[in-house]
PDB file of N, CA and C in Angstrom:
ATOM      1  N   MET A   1     103.237  92.571  99.191  1.00  0.00           N
ATOM      2  CA  MET A   1     102.116  92.006  99.940  1.00  0.00           C
ATOM      3  C   MET A   1     101.174  91.307  98.972  1.00  0.00           C
ATOM      4  N   ASP A   2     100.671  90.188  99.380  1.00  0.00           N
ATOM      5  CA  ASP A   2      99.749  89.417  98.553  1.00  0.00           C
ATOM      6  C   ASP A   2      98.318  89.853  98.873  1.00  0.00           C
ATOM      7  N   TYR A   3      97.659  90.449  97.900  1.00  0.00           N
ATOM      8  CA  TYR A   3      96.293  90.941  98.098  1.00  0.00           C
ATOM      9  C   TYR A   3      95.290  89.857  97.719  1.00  0.00           C
ATOM     10  N   HIS A   4      94.280  89.699  98.539  1.00  0.00           N
ATOM     11  CA  HIS A   4      93.196  88.765  98.272  1.00  0.00           C
ATOM     12  C   HIS A   4      91.890  89.541  98.289  1.00  0.00           C
ATOM     13  N   GLU A   5      90.838  88.952  97.723  1.00  0.00           N
ATOM     14  CA  GLU A   5      89.556  89.656  97.663  1.00  0.00           C
ATOM     15  C   GLU A   5      89.051  90.050  99.039  1.00  0.00           C
ATOM     16  N   ASP A   6      89.292  89.215 100.054  1.00  0.00           N
ATOM     17  CA  ASP A   6      88.810  89.559 101.392  1.00  0.00           C
ATOM     18  C   ASP A   6      89.516  90.790 101.960  1.00  0.00           C
ATOM     19  N   TYR A   7      90.736  91.045 101.542  1.00  0.00           N
ATOM     20  CA  TYR A   7      91.449  92.260 101.951  1.00  0.00           C
ATOM     21  C   TYR A   7      90.702  93.492 101.434  1.00  0.00           C
ATOM     22  N   TYR A   8      90.344  93.479 100.154  1.00  0.00           N
ATOM     23  CA  TYR A   8      89.641  94.619  99.556  1.00  0.00           C
ATOM     24  C   TYR A   8      88.248  94.769 100.154  1.00  0.00           C
ATOM     25  N   HIS A   9      87.608  93.648 100.398  1.00  0.00           N
ATOM     26  CA  HIS A   9      86.273  93.648 100.999  1.00  0.00           C
ATOM     27  C   HIS A   9      86.316  94.333 102.369  1.00  0.00           C
ATOM     28  N   ALA A  10      87.256  93.948 103.204  1.00  0.00           N
ATOM     29  CA  ALA A  10      87.378  94.546 104.537  1.00  0.00           C
ATOM     30  C   ALA A  10      87.722  96.032 104.439  1.00  0.00           C
ATOM     31  N   PHE A  11      88.555  96.386 103.483  1.00  0.00           N
ATOM     32  CA  PHE A  11      88.912  97.786 103.266  1.00  0.00           C
ATOM     33  C   PHE A  11      87.665  98.612 102.952  1.00  0.00           C
ATOM     34  N   LEU A  12      86.827  98.118 102.042  1.00  0.00           N
ATOM     35  CA  LEU A  12      85.613  98.842 101.662  1.00  0.00           C
ATOM     36  C   LEU A  12      84.636  98.947 102.833  1.00  0.00           C
ATOM     37  N   ALA A  13      84.425  97.847 103.527  1.00  0.00           N
ATOM     38  CA  ALA A  13      83.494  97.863 104.661  1.00  0.00           C
ATOM     39  C   ALA A  13      83.977  98.852 105.719  1.00  0.00           C
ATOM     40  N   GLY A  14      85.265  98.882 105.960  1.00  0.00           N
ATOM     41  CA  GLY A  14      85.824  99.783 106.956  1.00  0.00           C
ATOM     42  C   GLY A  14      85.616 101.249 106.628  1.00  0.00           C
ATOM     43  N   ILE A  15      85.616 101.575 105.348  1.00  0.00           N
ATOM     44  CA  ILE A  15      85.401 102.964 104.933  1.00  0.00           C
ATOM     45  C   ILE A  15      84.031 103.468 105.391  1.00  0.00           C
ATOM     46  N   PHE A  16      83.028 102.603 105.324  1.00  0.00           N
ATOM     47  CA  PHE A  16      81.658 103.036 105.596  1.00  0.00           C
ATOM     48  C   PHE A  16      81.224 102.876 107.041  1.00  0.00           C
ATOM     49  N   VAL A  17      81.931 102.086 107.824  1.00  0.00           N
ATOM     50  CA  VAL A  17      81.581 101.916 109.235  1.00  0.00           C
ATOM     51  C   VAL A  17      81.755 103.264 109.924  1.00  0.00           C
ATOM     52  N   GLY A  18      80.780 103.661 110.692  1.00  0.00           N
ATOM     53  CA  GLY A  18      80.846 104.916 111.421  1.00  0.00           C
ATOM     54  C   GLY A  18      80.494 106.143 110.592  1.00  0.00           C
ATOM     55  N   ARG A  19      80.027 105.948 109.371  1.00  0.00           N
ATOM     56  CA  ARG A  19      79.671 107.074 108.505  1.00  0.00           C
ATOM     57  C   ARG A  19      78.158 107.273 108.429  1.00  0.00           C
ATOM     58  N   GLY A  20      77.403 106.602 109.287  1.00  0.00           N
ATOM     59  CA  GLY A  20      75.962 106.786 109.309  1.00  0.00           C
ATOM     60  C   GLY A  20      75.187 105.758 108.511  1.00  0.00           C
ATOM     61  N   TYR A  21      75.900 104.783 107.942  1.00  0.00           N
ATOM     62  CA  TYR A  21      75.239 103.739 107.176  1.00  0.00           C
ATOM     63  C   TYR A  21      75.194 102.451 107.991  1.00  0.00           C
ATOM     64  N   GLU A  22      74.172 101.681 107.745  1.00  0.00           N
ATOM     65  CA  GLU A  22      74.147 100.324 108.272  1.00  0.00           C
ATOM     66  C   GLU A  22      74.934  99.475 107.274  1.00  0.00           C
ATOM     67  N   VAL A  23      76.008  98.865 107.717  1.00  0.00           N
ATOM     68  CA  VAL A  23      76.876  98.087 106.836  1.00  0.00           C
ATOM     69  C   VAL A  23      76.562  96.610 107.029  1.00  0.00           C
ATOM     70  N   ILE A  24      76.134  95.967 105.947  1.00  0.00           N
ATOM     71  CA  ILE A  24      75.820  94.538 105.973  1.00  0.00           C
ATOM     72  C   ILE A  24      76.800  93.857 105.033  1.00  0.00           C
ATOM     73  N   SER A  25      77.507  92.875 105.539  1.00  0.00           N
ATOM     74  CA  SER A  25      78.578  92.247 104.783  1.00  0.00           C
ATOM     75  C   SER A  25      78.315  90.757 104.594  1.00  0.00           C
ATOM     76  N   ASN A  26      78.281  90.334 103.333  1.00  0.00           N
ATOM     77  CA  ASN A  26      78.143  88.913 102.978  1.00  0.00           C
ATOM     78  C   ASN A  26      76.935  88.239 103.599  1.00  0.00           C
ATOM     79  N   LYS A  27      75.842  88.957 103.730  1.00  0.00           N
ATOM     80  CA  LYS A  27      74.618  88.377 104.291  1.00  0.00           C
ATOM     81  C   LYS A  27      73.705  87.943 103.142  1.00  0.00           C
ATOM     82  N   GLU A  28      73.049  86.829 103.332  1.00  0.00           N
ATOM     83  CA  GLU A  28      72.135  86.274 102.329  1.00  0.00           C
ATOM     84  C   GLU A  28      71.137  87.322 101.858  1.00  0.00           C
ATOM     85  N   ARG A  29      71.050  87.481 100.535  1.00  0.00           N
ATOM     86  CA  ARG A  29      70.107  88.443  99.947  1.00  0.00           C
ATOM     87  C   ARG A  29      69.827  87.994  98.525  1.00  0.00           C
ATOM     88  N   GLY A  30      68.567  87.990  98.140  1.00  0.00           N
ATOM     89  CA  GLY A  30      68.231  87.527  96.795  1.00  0.00           C
ATOM     90  C   GLY A  30      68.668  86.080  96.624  1.00  0.00           C
ATOM     91  N   LEU A  31      69.477  85.830  95.606  1.00  0.00           N
ATOM     92  CA  LEU A  31      69.941  84.474  95.317  1.00  0.00           C
ATOM     93  C   LEU A  31      71.417  84.282  95.668  1.00  0.00           C
ATOM     94  N   GLY A  32      71.931  85.115  96.549  1.00  0.00           N
ATOM     95  CA  GLY A  32      73.341  84.998  96.897  1.00  0.00           C
ATOM     96  C   GLY A  32      73.708  85.874  98.079  1.00  0.00           C
ATOM     97  N   ARG A  33      74.955  86.307  98.090  1.00  0.00           N
ATOM     98  CA  ARG A  33      75.489  87.110  99.184  1.00  0.00           C
ATOM     99  C   ARG A  33      76.293  88.275  98.614  1.00  0.00           C
ATOM    100  N   PRO A  34      75.705  89.477  98.559  1.00  0.00           N
ATOM    101  CA  PRO A  34      76.485  90.625  98.079  1.00  0.00           C
ATOM    102  C   PRO A  34      77.639  90.902  99.038  1.00  0.00           C
ATOM    103  N   ASP A  35      78.753  91.385  98.491  1.00  0.00           N
ATOM    104  CA  ASP A  35      79.895  91.686  99.342  1.00  0.00           C
ATOM    105  C   ASP A  35      79.525  92.708 100.395  1.00  0.00           C
ATOM    106  N   ILE A  36      78.951  93.827  99.975  1.00  0.00           N
ATOM    107  CA  ILE A  36      78.590  94.882 100.923  1.00  0.00           C
ATOM    108  C   ILE A  36      77.253  95.489 100.527  1.00  0.00           C
ATOM    109  N   LEU A  37      76.387  95.635 101.503  1.00  0.00           N
ATOM    110  CA  LEU A  37      75.121  96.336 101.331  1.00  0.00           C
ATOM    111  C   LEU A  37      75.095  97.442 102.375  1.00  0.00           C
ATOM    112  N   LEU A  38      74.955  98.668 101.905  1.00  0.00           N
ATOM    113  CA  LEU A  38      74.862  99.823 102.803  1.00  0.00           C
ATOM    114  C   LEU A  38      73.432 100.318 102.790  1.00  0.00           C
ATOM    115  N   LEU A  39      72.865 100.547 103.956  1.00  0.00           N
ATOM    116  CA  LEU A  39      71.492 101.031 104.061  1.00  0.00           C
ATOM    117  C   LEU A  39      71.459 102.362 104.791  1.00  0.00           C
ATOM    118  N   ASP A  40      70.771 103.301 104.201  1.00  0.00           N
ATOM    119  CA  ASP A  40      70.464 104.587 104.831  1.00  0.00           C
ATOM    120  C   ASP A  40      68.947 104.568 105.023  1.00  0.00           C
ATOM    121  N   ARG A  41      68.520 104.050 106.157  1.00  0.00           N
ATOM    122  CA  ARG A  41      67.091 103.841 106.409  1.00  0.00           C
ATOM    123  C   ARG A  41      66.322 105.153 106.475  1.00  0.00           C
ATOM    124  N   ASP A  42      66.961 106.215 106.961  1.00  0.00           N
ATOM    125  CA  ASP A  42      66.282 107.510 107.071  1.00  0.00           C
ATOM    126  C   ASP A  42      65.849 108.046 105.712  1.00  0.00           C
ATOM    127  N   HIS A  43      66.656 107.806 104.689  1.00  0.00           N
ATOM    128  CA  HIS A  43      66.365 108.312 103.343  1.00  0.00           C
ATOM    129  C   HIS A  43      65.989 107.212 102.354  1.00  0.00           C
ATOM    130  N   ARG A  44      65.865 105.978 102.854  1.00  0.00           N
ATOM    131  CA  ARG A  44      65.488 104.815 102.040  1.00  0.00           C
ATOM    132  C   ARG A  44      66.386 104.695 100.807  1.00  0.00           C
ATOM    133  N   ARG A  45      67.689 104.730 101.089  1.00  0.00           N
ATOM    134  CA  ARG A  45      68.693 104.550 100.040  1.00  0.00           C
ATOM    135  C   ARG A  45      69.527 103.328 100.372  1.00  0.00           C
ATOM    136  N   ALA A  46      69.904 102.597  99.322  1.00  0.00           N
ATOM    137  CA  ALA A  46      70.743 101.414  99.489  1.00  0.00           C
ATOM    138  C   ALA A  46      71.866 101.457  98.461  1.00  0.00           C
ATOM    139  N   LEU A  47      73.006 100.952  98.866  1.00  0.00           N
ATOM    140  CA  LEU A  47      74.162 100.866  97.988  1.00  0.00           C
ATOM    141  C   LEU A  47      74.651  99.431  98.025  1.00  0.00           C
ATOM    142  N   ILE A  48      74.720  98.808  96.861  1.00  0.00           N
ATOM    143  CA  ILE A  48      75.198  97.433  96.752  1.00  0.00           C
ATOM    144  C   ILE A  48      76.568  97.474  96.089  1.00  0.00           C
ATOM    145  N   ILE A  49      77.537  96.844  96.732  1.00  0.00           N
ATOM    146  CA  ILE A  49      78.896  96.801  96.198  1.00  0.00           C
ATOM    147  C   ILE A  49      79.328  95.351  96.038  1.00  0.00           C
ATOM    148  N   GLU A  50      79.779  95.021  94.854  1.00  0.00           N
ATOM    149  CA  GLU A  50      80.361  93.702  94.588  1.00  0.00           C
ATOM    150  C   GLU A  50      81.796  93.947  94.145  1.00  0.00           C
ATOM    151  N   ALA A  51      82.744  93.356  94.845  1.00  0.00           N
ATOM    152  CA  ALA A  51      84.167  93.575  94.569  1.00  0.00           C
ATOM    153  C   ALA A  51      84.796  92.318  93.971  1.00  0.00           C
ATOM    154  N   LYS A  52      85.715  92.542  93.057  1.00  0.00           N
ATOM    155  CA  LYS A  52      86.457  91.444  92.421  1.00  0.00           C
ATOM    156  C   LYS A  52      87.946  91.760  92.475  1.00  0.00           C
ATOM    157  N   LYS A  53      88.752  90.745  92.687  1.00  0.00           N
ATOM    158  CA  LYS A  53      90.203  90.877  92.601  1.00  0.00           C
ATOM    159  C   LYS A  53      90.608  90.450  91.196  1.00  0.00           C
ATOM    160  N   SER A  54      91.233  91.343  90.479  1.00  0.00           N
ATOM    161  CA  SER A  54      91.653  91.056  89.107  1.00  0.00           C
ATOM    162  C   SER A  54      93.049  90.437  89.098  1.00  0.00           C
ATOM    163  N   ASP A  55      93.278  89.580  88.132  1.00  0.00           N
ATOM    164  CA  ASP A  55      94.595  88.954  87.973  1.00  0.00           C
ATOM    165  C   ASP A  55      95.582  89.851  87.239  1.00  0.00           C
ATOM    166  N   SER A  56      95.059  90.877  86.550  1.00  0.00           N
ATOM    167  CA  SER A  56      95.919  91.814  85.822  1.00  0.00           C
ATOM    168  C   SER A  56      95.160  93.120  85.629  1.00  0.00           C
ATOM    169  N   ALA A  57      95.894  94.159  85.311  1.00  0.00           N
ATOM    170  CA  ALA A  57      95.265  95.454  85.047  1.00  0.00           C
ATOM    171  C   ALA A  57      94.347  95.362  83.831  1.00  0.00           C
ATOM    172  N   ASP A  58      94.714  94.521  82.871  1.00  0.00           N
ATOM    173  CA  ASP A  58      93.907  94.366  81.658  1.00  0.00           C
ATOM    174  C   ASP A  58      92.549  93.731  81.921  1.00  0.00           C
ATOM    175  N   ARG A  59      92.403  92.998  83.016  1.00  0.00           N
ATOM    176  CA  ARG A  59      91.135  92.309  83.329  1.00  0.00           C
ATOM    177  C   ARG A  59      90.190  93.160  84.172  1.00  0.00           C
ATOM    178  N   MET A  60      90.625  94.288  84.642  1.00  0.00           N
ATOM    179  CA  MET A  60      89.810  95.070  85.576  1.00  0.00           C
ATOM    180  C   MET A  60      88.461  95.483  84.990  1.00  0.00           C
ATOM    181  N   ASN A  61      88.432  95.908  83.756  1.00  0.00           N
ATOM    182  CA  ASN A  61      87.182  96.319  83.117  1.00  0.00           C
ATOM    183  C   ASN A  61      86.201  95.144  83.048  1.00  0.00           C
ATOM    184  N   GLN A  62      86.688  93.989  82.623  1.00  0.00           N
ATOM    185  CA  GLN A  62      85.853  92.793  82.518  1.00  0.00           C
ATOM    186  C   GLN A  62      85.368  92.344  83.901  1.00  0.00           C
ATOM    187  N   ASP A  63      86.232  92.427  84.898  1.00  0.00           N
ATOM    188  CA  ASP A  63      85.834  92.021  86.245  1.00  0.00           C
ATOM    189  C   ASP A  63      84.768  92.952  86.835  1.00  0.00           C
ATOM    190  N   CYS A  64      84.851  94.245  86.524  1.00  0.00           N
ATOM    191  CA  CYS A  64      83.790  95.174  86.950  1.00  0.00           C
ATOM    192  C   CYS A  64      82.459  94.779  86.327  1.00  0.00           C
ATOM    193  N   ASP A  65      82.490  94.471  85.029  1.00  0.00           N
ATOM    194  CA  ASP A  65      81.267  94.055  84.343  1.00  0.00           C
ATOM    195  C   ASP A  65      80.703  92.777  84.955  1.00  0.00           C
ATOM    196  N   GLU A  66      81.574  91.831  85.305  1.00  0.00           N
ATOM    197  CA  GLU A  66      81.122  90.581  85.932  1.00  0.00           C
ATOM    198  C   GLU A  66      80.502  90.853  87.302  1.00  0.00           C
ATOM    199  N   ALA A  67      81.069  91.788  88.050  1.00  0.00           N
ATOM    200  CA  ALA A  67      80.513  92.139  89.361  1.00  0.00           C
ATOM    201  C   ALA A  67      79.109  92.727  89.207  1.00  0.00           C
ATOM    202  N   LEU A  68      78.930  93.618  88.240  1.00  0.00           N
ATOM    203  CA  LEU A  68      77.604  94.218  88.012  1.00  0.00           C
ATOM    204  C   LEU A  68      76.601  93.167  87.540  1.00  0.00           C
ATOM    205  N   LYS A  69      77.044  92.274  86.688  1.00  0.00           N
ATOM    206  CA  LYS A  69      76.170  91.191  86.207  1.00  0.00           C
ATOM    207  C   LYS A  69      75.745  90.309  87.381  1.00  0.00           C
ATOM    208  N   GLN A  70      76.660  90.043  88.288  1.00  0.00           N
ATOM    209  CA  GLN A  70      76.347  89.229  89.460  1.00  0.00           C
ATOM    210  C   GLN A  70      75.279  89.901  90.321  1.00  0.00           C
ATOM    211  N   ILE A  71      75.362  91.206  90.488  1.00  0.00           N
ATOM    212  CA  ILE A  71      74.358  91.936  91.272  1.00  0.00           C
ATOM    213  C   ILE A  71      72.967  91.751  90.667  1.00  0.00           C
ATOM    214  N   VAL A  72      72.877  91.824  89.342  1.00  0.00           N
ATOM    215  CA  VAL A  72      71.593  91.677  88.656  1.00  0.00           C
ATOM    216  C   VAL A  72      71.142  90.224  88.666  1.00  0.00           C
ATOM    217  N   ASP A  73      72.015  89.311  88.242  1.00  0.00           N
ATOM    218  CA  ASP A  73      71.655  87.897  88.118  1.00  0.00           C
ATOM    219  C   ASP A  73      71.237  87.274  89.446  1.00  0.00           C
ATOM    220  N   ARG A  74      71.878  87.668  90.511  1.00  0.00           N
ATOM    221  CA  ARG A  74      71.569  87.090  91.823  1.00  0.00           C
ATOM    222  C   ARG A  74      70.558  87.917  92.619  1.00  0.00           C
ATOM    223  N   GLU A  75      70.005  88.936  91.956  1.00  0.00           N
ATOM    224  CA  GLU A  75      68.891  89.722  92.512  1.00  0.00           C
ATOM    225  C   GLU A  75      69.189  90.300  93.898  1.00  0.00           C
ATOM    226  N   TYR A  76      70.342  90.909  94.051  1.00  0.00           N
ATOM    227  CA  TYR A  76      70.731  91.463  95.349  1.00  0.00           C
ATOM    228  C   TYR A  76      69.845  92.626  95.782  1.00  0.00           C
ATOM    229  N   ALA A  77      69.161  93.262  94.852  1.00  0.00           N
ATOM    230  CA  ALA A  77      68.276  94.387  95.210  1.00  0.00           C
ATOM    231  C   ALA A  77      66.852  93.928  95.518  1.00  0.00           C
ATOM    232  N   ARG A  78      66.613  92.643  95.522  1.00  0.00           N
ATOM    233  CA  ARG A  78      65.266  92.126  95.803  1.00  0.00           C
ATOM    234  C   ARG A  78      64.784  92.640  97.166  1.00  0.00           C
ATOM    235  N   GLY A  79      63.544  93.123  97.182  1.00  0.00           N
ATOM    236  CA  GLY A  79      62.938  93.624  98.406  1.00  0.00           C
ATOM    237  C   GLY A  79      63.212  95.104  98.676  1.00  0.00           C
ATOM    238  N   LEU A  80      63.954  95.741  97.796  1.00  0.00           N
ATOM    239  CA  LEU A  80      64.251  97.164  97.961  1.00  0.00           C
ATOM    240  C   LEU A  80      63.537  97.986  96.891  1.00  0.00           C
ATOM    241  N   ASP A  81      62.352  97.538  96.488  1.00  0.00           N
ATOM    242  CA  ASP A  81      61.625  98.151  95.369  1.00  0.00           C
ATOM    243  C   ASP A  81      61.300  99.620  95.588  1.00  0.00           C
ATOM    244  N   ASP A  82      60.989 100.017  96.800  1.00  0.00           N
ATOM    245  CA  ASP A  82      60.628 101.414  97.049  1.00  0.00           C
ATOM    246  C   ASP A  82      61.811 102.218  97.612  1.00  0.00           C
ATOM    247  N   TRP A  83      63.017 101.702  97.438  1.00  0.00           N
ATOM    248  CA  TRP A  83      64.249 102.370  97.856  1.00  0.00           C
ATOM    249  C   TRP A  83      64.987 102.872  96.617  1.00  0.00           C
ATOM    250  N   THR A  84      65.811 103.878  96.794  1.00  0.00           N
ATOM    251  CA  THR A  84      66.760 104.271  95.763  1.00  0.00           C
ATOM    252  C   THR A  84      67.957 103.343  95.916  1.00  0.00           C
ATOM    253  N   VAL A  85      68.241 102.558  94.879  1.00  0.00           N
ATOM    254  CA  VAL A  85      69.320 101.570  94.947  1.00  0.00           C
ATOM    255  C   VAL A  85      70.410 101.945  93.945  1.00  0.00           C
ATOM    256  N   LEU A  86      71.621 102.029  94.447  1.00  0.00           N
ATOM    257  CA  LEU A  86      72.794 102.252  93.603  1.00  0.00           C
ATOM    258  C   LEU A  86      73.645 100.994  93.668  1.00  0.00           C
ATOM    259  N   SER A  87      74.091 100.520  92.513  1.00  0.00           N
ATOM    260  CA  SER A  87      74.892  99.294  92.461  1.00  0.00           C
ATOM    261  C   SER A  87      76.239  99.585  91.818  1.00  0.00           C
ATOM    262  N   TYR A  88      77.292  99.092  92.459  1.00  0.00           N
ATOM    263  CA  TYR A  88      78.646  99.326  91.981  1.00  0.00           C
ATOM    264  C   TYR A  88      79.425  98.018  91.901  1.00  0.00           C
ATOM    265  N   GLY A  89      80.132  97.852  90.805  1.00  0.00           N
ATOM    266  CA  GLY A  89      81.095  96.771  90.653  1.00  0.00           C
ATOM    267  C   GLY A  89      82.473  97.399  90.764  1.00  0.00           C
ATOM    268  N   ILE A  90      83.313  96.804  91.579  1.00  0.00           N
ATOM    269  CA  ILE A  90      84.659  97.336  91.779  1.00  0.00           C
ATOM    270  C   ILE A  90      85.668  96.226  91.529  1.00  0.00           C
ATOM    271  N   ALA A  91      86.642  96.519  90.679  1.00  0.00           N
ATOM    272  CA  ALA A  91      87.732  95.579  90.427  1.00  0.00           C
ATOM    273  C   ALA A  91      89.006  96.177  91.008  1.00  0.00           C
ATOM    274  N   PHE A  92      89.749  95.326  91.716  1.00  0.00           N
ATOM    275  CA  PHE A  92      91.022  95.731  92.302  1.00  0.00           C
ATOM    276  C   PHE A  92      92.146  94.937  91.659  1.00  0.00           C
ATOM    277  N   TYR A  93      93.221  95.620  91.379  1.00  0.00           N
ATOM    278  CA  TYR A  93      94.451  94.953  90.975  1.00  0.00           C
ATOM    279  C   TYR A  93      95.584  95.659  91.712  1.00  0.00           C
ATOM    280  N   GLN A  94      96.195  94.943  92.617  1.00  0.00           N
ATOM    281  CA  GLN A  94      97.232  95.495  93.487  1.00  0.00           C
ATOM    282  C   GLN A  94      96.693  96.753  94.170  1.00  0.00           C
ATOM    283  N   LYS A  95      97.266  97.926  93.913  1.00  0.00           N
ATOM    284  CA  LYS A  95      96.795  99.146  94.573  1.00  0.00           C
ATOM    285  C   LYS A  95      95.898  99.981  93.669  1.00  0.00           C
ATOM    286  N   ASN A  96      95.436  99.397  92.581  1.00  0.00           N
ATOM    287  CA  ASN A  96      94.560 100.109  91.640  1.00  0.00           C
ATOM    288  C   ASN A  96      93.130  99.621  91.797  1.00  0.00           C
ATOM    289  N   ALA A  97      92.205 100.519  91.545  1.00  0.00           N
ATOM    290  CA  ALA A  97      90.780 100.170  91.601  1.00  0.00           C
ATOM    291  C   ALA A  97      90.074 100.789  90.401  1.00  0.00           C
ATOM    292  N   LEU A  98      89.108 100.055  89.889  1.00  0.00           N
ATOM    293  CA  LEU A  98      88.219 100.541  88.832  1.00  0.00           C
ATOM    294  C   LEU A  98      86.809 100.347  89.341  1.00  0.00           C
ATOM    295  N   VAL A  99      85.991 101.389  89.251  1.00  0.00           N
ATOM    296  CA  VAL A  99      84.619 101.362  89.755  1.00  0.00           C
ATOM    297  C   VAL A  99      83.673 101.617  88.605  1.00  0.00           C
ATOM    298  N   LYS A 100      82.640 100.776  88.506  1.00  0.00           N
ATOM    299  CA  LYS A 100      81.578 100.992  87.517  1.00  0.00           C
ATOM    300  C   LYS A 100      80.250 100.968  88.241  1.00  0.00           C
ATOM    301  N   LYS A 101      79.345 101.813  87.770  1.00  0.00           N
ATOM    302  CA  LYS A 101      78.010 101.910  88.349  1.00  0.00           C
ATOM    303  C   LYS A 101      77.006 101.312  87.364  1.00  0.00           C
ATOM    304  N   LEU A 102      76.045 100.601  87.915  1.00  0.00           N
ATOM    305  CA  LEU A 102      74.978  99.992  87.109  1.00  0.00           C
ATOM    306  C   LEU A 102      73.988 101.044  86.694  1.00  0.00           C
TER     307      LEU A 102
END
């Protein structure tokens, strides 16, 4: 099967739907569009996820770093100053995933 970034994106969004989070996908925020923004309004917590499809297993670490840099550079957490914000970069290669937290 040929995996594309949108496949992984939909997979991640699907995990959180129905789990008590508000799932916002590819909506304008800061200077761009984060892949997934999860909001827990009751506890004022937010989770920002940026996913990358890697071309090889060797690139996964670098792609995670690029995802985290994108979250910072494009200011995806703008407006969430009084929230607890967790940011994750995730790189996928075939059926493997590498997750890094900012």
